[in-house]
Amino acid sequence: MSRADRLEALRSSRLYFQRPDEPGFFVRETEEGPVVPVFTSCAALGLFAGPCGWASTTVADLVELLPEGVRGAEQK
């Protein structure tokens, strides 16, 4: 797979994240700055957060929607 093909596949990948009570993102403060924990499956999100409201979007849309200074960090 070419680099361009890998980037396109990544951009269209679906990520799952915990949905806060108010519209927006559930942001966590870390030593590296504010992040939104994101997951590649609902099951992985459930292991991290337990039962919770959730939302999903593509990587490309997440990059567009994140507030300035906040980054998405995939959790394993």
PDB file of N, CA and C in Angstrom:
ATOM      1  N   MET A   1       0.854  -1.175   0.000  1.00  0.00           N
ATOM      2  CA  MET A   1       0.000   0.000   0.000  1.00  0.00           C
ATOM      3  C   MET A   1       0.902   1.241   0.000  1.00  0.00           C
ATOM      4  N   SER A   2       0.611   2.174  -0.870  1.00  0.00           N
ATOM      5  CA  SER A   2       1.427   3.385  -0.941  1.00  0.00           C
ATOM      6  C   SER A   2       1.153   4.292   0.263  1.00  0.00           C
ATOM      7  N   ARG A   3       2.042   5.235   0.502  1.00  0.00           N
ATOM      8  CA  ARG A   3       1.864   6.189   1.610  1.00  0.00           C
ATOM      9  C   ARG A   3       0.555   6.966   1.435  1.00  0.00           C
ATOM     10  N   ALA A   4       0.260   7.386   0.220  1.00  0.00           N
ATOM     11  CA  ALA A   4      -0.975   8.122  -0.047  1.00  0.00           C
ATOM     12  C   ALA A   4      -2.203   7.261   0.260  1.00  0.00           C
ATOM     13  N   ASP A   5      -2.147   5.985  -0.104  1.00  0.00           N
ATOM     14  CA  ASP A   5      -3.258   5.070   0.183  1.00  0.00           C
ATOM     15  C   ASP A   5      -3.438   4.877   1.683  1.00  0.00           C
ATOM     16  N   ARG A   6      -2.315   4.747   2.408  1.00  0.00           N
ATOM     17  CA  ARG A   6      -2.394   4.598   3.874  1.00  0.00           C
ATOM     18  C   ARG A   6      -2.987   5.848   4.514  1.00  0.00           C
ATOM     19  N   LEU A   7      -2.563   7.032   4.053  1.00  0.00           N
ATOM     20  CA  LEU A   7      -3.107   8.278   4.604  1.00  0.00           C
ATOM     21  C   LEU A   7      -4.600   8.403   4.328  1.00  0.00           C
ATOM     22  N   GLU A   8      -5.026   8.027   3.139  1.00  0.00           N
ATOM     23  CA  GLU A   8      -6.449   8.095   2.804  1.00  0.00           C
ATOM     24  C   GLU A   8      -7.253   7.126   3.665  1.00  0.00           C
ATOM     25  N   ALA A   9      -6.730   5.934   3.873  1.00  0.00           N
ATOM     26  CA  ALA A   9      -7.419   4.959   4.731  1.00  0.00           C
ATOM     27  C   ALA A   9      -7.502   5.483   6.165  1.00  0.00           C
ATOM     28  N   LEU A  10      -6.440   6.107   6.652  1.00  0.00           N
ATOM     29  CA  LEU A  10      -6.438   6.665   7.999  1.00  0.00           C
ATOM     30  C   LEU A  10      -7.461   7.798   8.121  1.00  0.00           C
ATOM     31  N   ARG A  11      -7.501   8.676   7.145  1.00  0.00           N
ATOM     32  CA  ARG A  11      -8.439   9.810   7.186  1.00  0.00           C
ATOM     33  C   ARG A  11      -9.889   9.355   7.266  1.00  0.00           C
ATOM     34  N   SER A  12     -10.198   8.238   6.647  1.00  0.00           N
ATOM     35  CA  SER A  12     -11.584   7.767   6.636  1.00  0.00           C
ATOM     36  C   SER A  12     -11.877   6.781   7.766  1.00  0.00           C
ATOM     37  N   SER A  13     -10.872   6.441   8.574  1.00  0.00           N
ATOM     38  CA  SER A  13     -11.090   5.528   9.700  1.00  0.00           C
ATOM     39  C   SER A  13     -12.033   6.162  10.711  1.00  0.00           C
ATOM     40  N   ARG A  14     -12.845   5.342  11.339  1.00  0.00           N
ATOM     41  CA  ARG A  14     -13.803   5.820  12.336  1.00  0.00           C
ATOM     42  C   ARG A  14     -13.186   5.708  13.716  1.00  0.00           C
ATOM     43  N   LEU A  15     -13.313   6.776  14.504  1.00  0.00           N
ATOM     44  CA  LEU A  15     -12.848   6.808  15.884  1.00  0.00           C
ATOM     45  C   LEU A  15     -14.032   7.020  16.811  1.00  0.00           C
ATOM     46  N   TYR A  16     -13.938   6.471  17.999  1.00  0.00           N
ATOM     47  CA  TYR A  16     -14.999   6.561  19.007  1.00  0.00           C
ATOM     48  C   TYR A  16     -14.465   7.318  20.211  1.00  0.00           C
ATOM     49  N   PHE A  17     -15.315   8.133  20.823  1.00  0.00           N
ATOM     50  CA  PHE A  17     -14.891   8.902  21.977  1.00  0.00           C
ATOM     51  C   PHE A  17     -16.056   9.118  22.922  1.00  0.00           C
ATOM     52  N   GLN A  18     -15.707   9.379  24.181  1.00  0.00           N
ATOM     53  CA  GLN A  18     -16.725   9.608  25.206  1.00  0.00           C
ATOM     54  C   GLN A  18     -17.414  10.942  24.935  1.00  0.00           C
ATOM     55  N   ARG A  19     -18.730  10.923  24.987  1.00  0.00           N
ATOM     56  CA  ARG A  19     -19.521  12.132  24.737  1.00  0.00           C
ATOM     57  C   ARG A  19     -19.843  12.787  26.083  1.00  0.00           C
ATOM     58  N   PRO A  20     -19.491  14.071  26.243  1.00  0.00           N
ATOM     59  CA  PRO A  20     -19.817  14.761  27.490  1.00  0.00           C
ATOM     60  C   PRO A  20     -21.301  15.125  27.534  1.00  0.00           C
ATOM     61  N   ASP A  21     -21.752  15.605  28.685  1.00  0.00           N
ATOM     62  CA  ASP A  21     -23.155  15.997  28.830  1.00  0.00           C
ATOM     63  C   ASP A  21     -23.519  17.171  27.923  1.00  0.00           C
ATOM     64  N   GLU A  22     -22.601  18.089  27.748  1.00  0.00           N
ATOM     65  CA  GLU A  22     -22.808  19.245  26.868  1.00  0.00           C
ATOM     66  C   GLU A  22     -22.168  18.952  25.513  1.00  0.00           C
ATOM     67  N   PRO A  23     -22.662  19.572  24.437  1.00  0.00           N
ATOM     68  CA  PRO A  23     -22.037  19.355  23.121  1.00  0.00           C
ATOM     69  C   PRO A  23     -20.545  19.707  23.155  1.00  0.00           C
ATOM     70  N   GLY A  24     -19.759  18.920  22.483  1.00  0.00           N
ATOM     71  CA  GLY A  24     -18.324  19.141  22.430  1.00  0.00           C
ATOM     72  C   GLY A  24     -17.571  17.851  22.658  1.00  0.00           C
ATOM     73  N   PHE A  25     -16.397  17.954  23.252  1.00  0.00           N
ATOM     74  CA  PHE A  25     -15.541  16.806  23.499  1.00  0.00           C
ATOM     75  C   PHE A  25     -15.232  16.697  24.981  1.00  0.00           C
ATOM     76  N   PHE A  26     -15.015  15.464  25.427  1.00  0.00           N
ATOM     77  CA  PHE A  26     -14.567  15.192  26.778  1.00  0.00           C
ATOM     78  C   PHE A  26     -13.047  15.322  26.761  1.00  0.00           C
ATOM     79  N   VAL A  27     -12.519  16.427  27.286  1.00  0.00           N
ATOM     80  CA  VAL A  27     -11.082  16.725  27.222  1.00  0.00           C
ATOM     81  C   VAL A  27     -10.431  16.361  28.554  1.00  0.00           C
ATOM     82  N   ARG A  28      -9.311  15.683  28.471  1.00  0.00           N
ATOM     83  CA  ARG A  28      -8.528  15.330  29.656  1.00  0.00           C
ATOM     84  C   ARG A  28      -7.233  16.122  29.642  1.00  0.00           C
ATOM     85  N   GLU A  29      -6.847  16.612  30.818  1.00  0.00           N
ATOM     86  CA  GLU A  29      -5.565  17.291  30.951  1.00  0.00           C
ATOM     87  C   GLU A  29      -4.483  16.253  31.220  1.00  0.00           C
ATOM     88  N   THR A  30      -3.376  16.343  30.498  1.00  0.00           N
ATOM     89  CA  THR A  30      -2.239  15.447  30.694  1.00  0.00           C
ATOM     90  C   THR A  30      -0.975  16.286  30.808  1.00  0.00           C
ATOM     91  N   GLU A  31       0.129  15.645  31.113  1.00  0.00           N
ATOM     92  CA  GLU A  31       1.408  16.349  31.187  1.00  0.00           C
ATOM     93  C   GLU A  31       1.787  16.959  29.842  1.00  0.00           C
ATOM     94  N   GLU A  32       1.328  16.350  28.749  1.00  0.00           N
ATOM     95  CA  GLU A  32       1.626  16.862  27.402  1.00  0.00           C
ATOM     96  C   GLU A  32       0.609  17.883  26.927  1.00  0.00           C
ATOM     97  N   GLY A  33      -0.391  18.193  27.737  1.00  0.00           N
ATOM     98  CA  GLY A  33      -1.426  19.142  27.357  1.00  0.00           C
ATOM     99  C   GLY A  33      -2.778  18.456  27.229  1.00  0.00           C
ATOM    100  N   PRO A  34      -3.804  19.209  26.844  1.00  0.00           N
ATOM    101  CA  PRO A  34      -5.148  18.649  26.756  1.00  0.00           C
ATOM    102  C   PRO A  34      -5.302  17.690  25.580  1.00  0.00           C
ATOM    103  N   VAL A  35      -5.977  16.561  25.841  1.00  0.00           N
ATOM    104  CA  VAL A  35      -6.222  15.562  24.793  1.00  0.00           C
ATOM    105  C   VAL A  35      -7.659  15.056  24.884  1.00  0.00           C
ATOM    106  N   VAL A  36      -8.132  14.560  23.779  1.00  0.00           N
ATOM    107  CA  VAL A  36      -9.394  13.834  23.720  1.00  0.00           C
ATOM    108  C   VAL A  36      -9.031  12.370  23.499  1.00  0.00           C
ATOM    109  N   PRO A  37      -9.277  11.508  24.486  1.00  0.00           N
ATOM    110  CA  PRO A  37      -8.992  10.088  24.274  1.00  0.00           C
ATOM    111  C   PRO A  37      -9.916   9.523  23.192  1.00  0.00           C
ATOM    112  N   VAL A  38      -9.346   8.890  22.190  1.00  0.00           N
ATOM    113  CA  VAL A  38     -10.120   8.304  21.100  1.00  0.00           C
ATOM    114  C   VAL A  38      -9.762   6.832  20.965  1.00  0.00           C
ATOM    115  N   PHE A  39     -10.693   6.067  20.412  1.00  0.00           N
ATOM    116  CA  PHE A  39     -10.553   4.622  20.329  1.00  0.00           C
ATOM    117  C   PHE A  39     -10.987   4.145  18.956  1.00  0.00           C
ATOM    118  N   THR A  40     -10.453   3.014  18.548  1.00  0.00           N
ATOM    119  CA  THR A  40     -10.807   2.469  17.236  1.00  0.00           C
ATOM    120  C   THR A  40     -12.018   1.556  17.292  1.00  0.00           C
ATOM    121  N   SER A  41     -12.584   1.347  18.497  1.00  0.00           N
ATOM    122  CA  SER A  41     -13.804   0.550  18.617  1.00  0.00           C
ATOM    123  C   SER A  41     -14.588   0.983  19.845  1.00  0.00           C
ATOM    124  N   CYS A  42     -15.885   0.707  19.831  1.00  0.00           N
ATOM    125  CA  CYS A  42     -16.730   0.974  21.011  1.00  0.00           C
ATOM    126  C   CYS A  42     -16.283   0.102  22.178  1.00  0.00           C
ATOM    127  N   ALA A  43     -15.851  -1.125  21.883  1.00  0.00           N
ATOM    128  CA  ALA A  43     -15.418  -2.027  22.952  1.00  0.00           C
ATOM    129  C   ALA A  43     -14.211  -1.455  23.697  1.00  0.00           C
ATOM    130  N   ALA A  44     -13.257  -0.906  22.967  1.00  0.00           N
ATOM    131  CA  ALA A  44     -12.081  -0.315  23.603  1.00  0.00           C
ATOM    132  C   ALA A  44     -12.474   0.905  24.430  1.00  0.00           C
ATOM    133  N   LEU A  45     -13.385   1.721  23.921  1.00  0.00           N
ATOM    134  CA  LEU A  45     -13.883   2.862  24.690  1.00  0.00           C
ATOM    135  C   LEU A  45     -14.536   2.378  25.974  1.00  0.00           C
ATOM    136  N   GLY A  46     -15.334   1.318  25.897  1.00  0.00           N
ATOM    137  CA  GLY A  46     -15.997   0.773  27.069  1.00  0.00           C
ATOM    138  C   GLY A  46     -15.017   0.284  28.120  1.00  0.00           C
ATOM    139  N   LEU A  47     -13.912  -0.316  27.687  1.00  0.00           N
ATOM    140  CA  LEU A  47     -12.895  -0.764  28.641  1.00  0.00           C
ATOM    141  C   LEU A  47     -12.262   0.422  29.364  1.00  0.00           C
ATOM    142  N   PHE A  48     -12.135   1.530  28.673  1.00  0.00           N
ATOM    143  CA  PHE A  48     -11.526   2.738  29.236  1.00  0.00           C
ATOM    144  C   PHE A  48     -12.495   3.489  30.145  1.00  0.00           C
ATOM    145  N   ALA A  49     -13.703   3.726  29.662  1.00  0.00           N
ATOM    146  CA  ALA A  49     -14.630   4.628  30.340  1.00  0.00           C
ATOM    147  C   ALA A  49     -15.776   3.929  31.054  1.00  0.00           C
ATOM    148  N   GLY A  50     -15.982   2.641  30.784  1.00  0.00           N
ATOM    149  CA  GLY A  50     -17.153   1.983  31.330  1.00  0.00           C
ATOM    150  C   GLY A  50     -18.381   2.417  30.548  1.00  0.00           C
ATOM    151  N   PRO A  51     -19.569   2.121  31.076  1.00  0.00           N
ATOM    152  CA  PRO A  51     -20.780   2.550  30.379  1.00  0.00           C
ATOM    153  C   PRO A  51     -20.807   4.081  30.276  1.00  0.00           C
ATOM    154  N   CYS A  52     -20.973   4.588  29.084  1.00  0.00           N
ATOM    155  CA  CYS A  52     -20.968   6.046  28.893  1.00  0.00           C
ATOM    156  C   CYS A  52     -21.646   6.394  27.579  1.00  0.00           C
ATOM    157  N   GLY A  53     -22.026   7.642  27.457  1.00  0.00           N
ATOM    158  CA  GLY A  53     -22.477   8.134  26.161  1.00  0.00           C
ATOM    159  C   GLY A  53     -21.265   8.206  25.242  1.00  0.00           C
ATOM    160  N   TRP A  54     -21.464   7.949  23.977  1.00  0.00           N
ATOM    161  CA  TRP A  54     -20.338   7.976  23.063  1.00  0.00           C
ATOM    162  C   TRP A  54     -20.754   8.595  21.742  1.00  0.00           C
ATOM    163  N   ALA A  55     -19.758   8.961  20.967  1.00  0.00           N
ATOM    164  CA  ALA A  55     -19.957   9.485  19.622  1.00  0.00           C
ATOM    165  C   ALA A  55     -18.818   8.949  18.762  1.00  0.00           C
ATOM    166  N   SER A  56     -18.963   9.066  17.467  1.00  0.00           N
ATOM    167  CA  SER A  56     -17.886   8.645  16.570  1.00  0.00           C
ATOM    168  C   SER A  56     -17.825   9.587  15.381  1.00  0.00           C
ATOM    169  N   THR A  57     -16.672   9.648  14.790  1.00  0.00           N
ATOM    170  CA  THR A  57     -16.454  10.452  13.602  1.00  0.00           C
ATOM    171  C   THR A  57     -15.211   9.913  12.900  1.00  0.00           C
ATOM    172  N   THR A  58     -14.930  10.422  11.734  1.00  0.00           N
ATOM    173  CA  THR A  58     -13.723  10.015  11.016  1.00  0.00           C
ATOM    174  C   THR A  58     -12.527  10.786  11.562  1.00  0.00           C
ATOM    175  N   VAL A  59     -11.343  10.271  11.296  1.00  0.00           N
ATOM    176  CA  VAL A  59     -10.127  10.967  11.702  1.00  0.00           C
ATOM    177  C   VAL A  59     -10.093  12.361  11.080  1.00  0.00           C
ATOM    178  N   ALA A  60     -10.423  12.455   9.806  1.00  0.00           N
ATOM    179  CA  ALA A  60     -10.386  13.754   9.122  1.00  0.00           C
ATOM    180  C   ALA A  60     -11.326  14.748   9.793  1.00  0.00           C
ATOM    181  N   ASP A  61     -12.543  14.321  10.120  1.00  0.00           N
ATOM    182  CA  ASP A  61     -13.484  15.227  10.776  1.00  0.00           C
ATOM    183  C   ASP A  61     -13.034  15.575  12.190  1.00  0.00           C
ATOM    184  N   LEU A  62     -12.464  14.614  12.909  1.00  0.00           N
ATOM    185  CA  LEU A  62     -11.994  14.892  14.264  1.00  0.00           C
ATOM    186  C   LEU A  62     -10.942  15.992  14.251  1.00  0.00           C
ATOM    187  N   VAL A  63     -10.017  15.918  13.321  1.00  0.00           N
ATOM    188  CA  VAL A  63      -8.972  16.941  13.221  1.00  0.00           C
ATOM    189  C   VAL A  63      -9.599  18.314  12.978  1.00  0.00           C
ATOM    190  N   GLU A  64     -10.633  18.374  12.176  1.00  0.00           N
ATOM    191  CA  GLU A  64     -11.314  19.644  11.888  1.00  0.00           C
ATOM    192  C   GLU A  64     -12.103  20.163  13.086  1.00  0.00           C
ATOM    193  N   LEU A  65     -12.660  19.260  13.890  1.00  0.00           N
ATOM    194  CA  LEU A  65     -13.566  19.643  14.967  1.00  0.00           C
ATOM    195  C   LEU A  65     -12.893  19.927  16.310  1.00  0.00           C
ATOM    196  N   LEU A  66     -11.697  19.384  16.532  1.00  0.00           N
ATOM    197  CA  LEU A  66     -11.049  19.579  17.826  1.00  0.00           C
ATOM    198  C   LEU A  66     -10.758  21.055  18.083  1.00  0.00           C
ATOM    199  N   PRO A  67     -10.973  21.495  19.322  1.00  0.00           N
ATOM    200  CA  PRO A  67     -10.631  22.886  19.650  1.00  0.00           C
ATOM    201  C   PRO A  67      -9.131  23.122  19.482  1.00  0.00           C
ATOM    202  N   GLU A  68      -8.759  24.335  19.194  1.00  0.00           N
ATOM    203  CA  GLU A  68      -7.356  24.675  19.034  1.00  0.00           C
ATOM    204  C   GLU A  68      -6.594  24.345  20.313  1.00  0.00           C
ATOM    205  N   GLY A  69      -5.445  23.738  20.173  1.00  0.00           N
ATOM    206  CA  GLY A  69      -4.615  23.389  21.313  1.00  0.00           C
ATOM    207  C   GLY A  69      -4.931  22.044  21.927  1.00  0.00           C
ATOM    208  N   VAL A  70      -5.983  21.365  21.432  1.00  0.00           N
ATOM    209  CA  VAL A  70      -6.358  20.051  21.943  1.00  0.00           C
ATOM    210  C   VAL A  70      -6.057  19.037  20.846  1.00  0.00           C
ATOM    211  N   ARG A  71      -5.509  17.900  21.241  1.00  0.00           N
ATOM    212  CA  ARG A  71      -5.215  16.870  20.245  1.00  0.00           C
ATOM    213  C   ARG A  71      -5.936  15.585  20.614  1.00  0.00           C
ATOM    214  N   GLY A  72      -6.147  14.757  19.625  1.00  0.00           N
ATOM    215  CA  GLY A  72      -6.716  13.429  19.860  1.00  0.00           C
ATOM    216  C   GLY A  72      -5.584  12.477  20.161  1.00  0.00           C
ATOM    217  N   ALA A  73      -5.773  11.601  21.112  1.00  0.00           N
ATOM    218  CA  ALA A  73      -4.742  10.631  21.465  1.00  0.00           C
ATOM    219  C   ALA A  73      -5.383   9.258  21.519  1.00  0.00           C
ATOM    220  N   GLU A  74      -4.944   8.384  20.602  1.00  0.00           N
ATOM    221  CA  GLU A  74      -5.497   7.037  20.589  1.00  0.00           C
ATOM    222  C   GLU A  74      -5.056   6.306  21.842  1.00  0.00           C
ATOM    223  N   GLN A  75      -6.004   5.696  22.507  1.00  0.00           N
ATOM    224  CA  GLN A  75      -5.742   4.921  23.711  1.00  0.00           C
ATOM    225  C   GLN A  75      -5.719   3.452  23.344  1.00  0.00           C
ATOM    226  N   LYS A  76      -4.861   2.699  23.999  1.00  0.00           N
ATOM    227  CA  LYS A  76      -4.768   1.258  23.713  1.00  0.00           C
ATOM    228  C   LYS A  76      -5.142   0.475  24.928  1.00  0.00           C
TER     229      LYS A  76
END
